[in-house]
């Protein structure tokens, strides 16, 4: 889905189409810590917790289910990028 900097807000939305209402669920893995997942809209929002020590890619699978109980799964990822964490000096 994209990447965010450590500690930043995330705002992603997945979309599936059907001739009826679609509900979403995360069936494996998870987005970065600090996320909120809206099963009615497919929105992933929140603020990344800032706990990663290095660039980290979070892999997860979302399932879309329509009113006729038809399902479709798709894999997604969000990468959290980490800036310089230790002080440095040029001499």
C-alpha atoms as a PDB file:
ATOM      1  CA  UNK A   1       0.000   0.000   0.000  1.00  0.00           C
ATOM      2  CA  UNK A   2       2.935   2.288   0.621  1.00  0.00           C
ATOM      3  CA  UNK A   3       5.330   3.493   3.249  1.00  0.00           C
ATOM      4  CA  UNK A   4       5.234   5.766   6.257  1.00  0.00           C
ATOM      5  CA  UNK A   5       7.938   7.272   8.430  1.00  0.00           C
ATOM      6  CA  UNK A   6       8.267   5.940  11.955  1.00  0.00           C
ATOM      7  CA  UNK A   7       5.790   7.669  14.298  1.00  0.00           C
ATOM      8  CA  UNK A   8       3.737   9.199  11.456  1.00  0.00           C
ATOM      9  CA  UNK A   9       0.026   8.920  10.797  1.00  0.00           C
ATOM     10  CA  UNK A  10      -1.134   6.239   8.381  1.00  0.00           C
ATOM     11  CA  UNK A  11      -4.147   6.584   6.126  1.00  0.00           C
ATOM     12  CA  UNK A  12      -4.695   3.793   3.596  1.00  0.00           C
ATOM     13  CA  UNK A  13      -7.889   2.338   2.140  1.00  0.00           C
ATOM     14  CA  UNK A  14      -8.444  -0.932   0.306  1.00  0.00           C
ATOM     15  CA  UNK A  15     -11.448  -1.306  -1.989  1.00  0.00           C
ATOM     16  CA  UNK A  16     -13.274  -4.293  -3.424  1.00  0.00           C
ATOM     17  CA  UNK A  17     -16.292  -4.108  -5.705  1.00  0.00           C
ATOM     18  CA  UNK A  18     -19.478  -6.138  -5.782  1.00  0.00           C
ATOM     19  CA  UNK A  19     -23.140  -5.670  -6.609  1.00  0.00           C
ATOM     20  CA  UNK A  20     -23.788  -5.833  -2.849  1.00  0.00           C
ATOM     21  CA  UNK A  21     -22.254  -4.497   0.356  1.00  0.00           C
ATOM     22  CA  UNK A  22     -18.659  -5.568   1.019  1.00  0.00           C
ATOM     23  CA  UNK A  23     -17.151  -6.187   4.468  1.00  0.00           C
ATOM     24  CA  UNK A  24     -13.404  -6.434   5.081  1.00  0.00           C
ATOM     25  CA  UNK A  25     -11.326  -8.456   7.541  1.00  0.00           C
ATOM     26  CA  UNK A  26      -7.637  -9.025   8.173  1.00  0.00           C
ATOM     27  CA  UNK A  27      -7.105 -12.782   7.896  1.00  0.00           C
ATOM     28  CA  UNK A  28      -3.323 -13.012   8.419  1.00  0.00           C
ATOM     29  CA  UNK A  29      -0.504 -10.750   9.516  1.00  0.00           C
ATOM     30  CA  UNK A  30      -1.097  -7.168  10.651  1.00  0.00           C
ATOM     31  CA  UNK A  31      -0.374  -3.577   9.626  1.00  0.00           C
ATOM     32  CA  UNK A  32       2.122  -1.569  11.745  1.00  0.00           C
ATOM     33  CA  UNK A  33       1.448  -1.230  15.469  1.00  0.00           C
ATOM     34  CA  UNK A  34      -0.969   1.589  16.216  1.00  0.00           C
ATOM     35  CA  UNK A  35      -3.381   0.895  13.371  1.00  0.00           C
ATOM     36  CA  UNK A  36      -7.190   0.984  13.399  1.00  0.00           C
ATOM     37  CA  UNK A  37      -9.001  -1.127  10.809  1.00  0.00           C
ATOM     38  CA  UNK A  38     -12.522  -0.234   9.662  1.00  0.00           C
ATOM     39  CA  UNK A  39     -14.230  -3.453   8.517  1.00  0.00           C
ATOM     40  CA  UNK A  40     -17.009  -1.481   6.812  1.00  0.00           C
ATOM     41  CA  UNK A  41     -14.833   0.795   4.688  1.00  0.00           C
ATOM     42  CA  UNK A  42     -11.473  -0.995   4.396  1.00  0.00           C
ATOM     43  CA  UNK A  43      -9.673   2.010   5.915  1.00  0.00           C
ATOM     44  CA  UNK A  44      -6.415   1.527   7.811  1.00  0.00           C
ATOM     45  CA  UNK A  45      -5.728   4.594   9.938  1.00  0.00           C
ATOM     46  CA  UNK A  46      -3.838   5.497  13.093  1.00  0.00           C
ATOM     47  CA  UNK A  47      -0.380   6.564  14.171  1.00  0.00           C
ATOM     48  CA  UNK A  48       2.557   4.190  13.884  1.00  0.00           C
ATOM     49  CA  UNK A  49       3.903   3.426  17.365  1.00  0.00           C
ATOM     50  CA  UNK A  50       7.536   4.346  16.678  1.00  0.00           C
ATOM     51  CA  UNK A  51       8.851   1.071  18.107  1.00  0.00           C
ATOM     52  CA  UNK A  52      10.772  -0.209  15.068  1.00  0.00           C
ATOM     53  CA  UNK A  53      14.582  -0.035  15.259  1.00  0.00           C
ATOM     54  CA  UNK A  54      15.080  -0.395  11.495  1.00  0.00           C
ATOM     55  CA  UNK A  55      13.036  -0.172   8.307  1.00  0.00           C
ATOM     56  CA  UNK A  56      10.316  -2.833   8.634  1.00  0.00           C
ATOM     57  CA  UNK A  57       7.789  -4.161   6.130  1.00  0.00           C
ATOM     58  CA  UNK A  58       4.481  -5.393   7.562  1.00  0.00           C
ATOM     59  CA  UNK A  59       2.763  -8.012   5.406  1.00  0.00           C
ATOM     60  CA  UNK A  60      -0.903  -8.886   5.858  1.00  0.00           C
ATOM     61  CA  UNK A  61      -3.858 -10.314   3.958  1.00  0.00           C
ATOM     62  CA  UNK A  62      -7.282  -8.702   3.780  1.00  0.00           C
ATOM     63  CA  UNK A  63     -10.423 -10.613   2.854  1.00  0.00           C
ATOM     64  CA  UNK A  64     -13.383  -8.909   1.170  1.00  0.00           C
ATOM     65  CA  UNK A  65     -16.717 -10.654   1.687  1.00  0.00           C
ATOM     66  CA  UNK A  66     -19.925  -9.554  -0.036  1.00  0.00           C
ATOM     67  CA  UNK A  67     -23.564 -10.113   0.978  1.00  0.00           C
ATOM     68  CA  UNK A  68     -23.683 -13.362  -1.024  1.00  0.00           C
ATOM     69  CA  UNK A  69     -20.741 -14.710   1.058  1.00  0.00           C
ATOM     70  CA  UNK A  70     -18.354 -14.537  -1.912  1.00  0.00           C
ATOM     71  CA  UNK A  71     -14.800 -13.848  -0.756  1.00  0.00           C
ATOM     72  CA  UNK A  72     -11.582 -12.547  -2.237  1.00  0.00           C
ATOM     73  CA  UNK A  73      -8.236 -12.388  -0.421  1.00  0.00           C
ATOM     74  CA  UNK A  74      -5.363 -10.099  -1.314  1.00  0.00           C
ATOM     75  CA  UNK A  75      -1.915  -9.567   0.204  1.00  0.00           C
ATOM     76  CA  UNK A  76      -0.786  -6.051   1.115  1.00  0.00           C
ATOM     77  CA  UNK A  77       2.219  -4.479   2.808  1.00  0.00           C
ATOM     78  CA  UNK A  78       3.127  -1.236   4.536  1.00  0.00           C
ATOM     79  CA  UNK A  79       6.772  -0.303   5.102  1.00  0.00           C
ATOM     80  CA  UNK A  80       7.795   1.776   8.119  1.00  0.00           C
ATOM     81  CA  UNK A  81      10.970   3.756   7.441  1.00  0.00           C
ATOM     82  CA  UNK A  82      13.270   4.724  10.290  1.00  0.00           C
ATOM     83  CA  UNK A  83      15.531   7.748  10.178  1.00  0.00           C
ATOM     84  CA  UNK A  84      18.857   8.117  11.932  1.00  0.00           C
ATOM     85  CA  UNK A  85      18.432   6.943  15.519  1.00  0.00           C
ATOM     86  CA  UNK A  86      21.911   7.590  16.921  1.00  0.00           C
ATOM     87  CA  UNK A  87      23.714  10.887  17.099  1.00  0.00           C
ATOM     88  CA  UNK A  88      26.556  11.490  14.702  1.00  0.00           C
ATOM     89  CA  UNK A  89      29.306  13.999  14.269  1.00  0.00           C
ATOM     90  CA  UNK A  90      31.485  15.263  11.434  1.00  0.00           C
ATOM     91  CA  UNK A  91      34.984  16.298  12.413  1.00  0.00           C
END
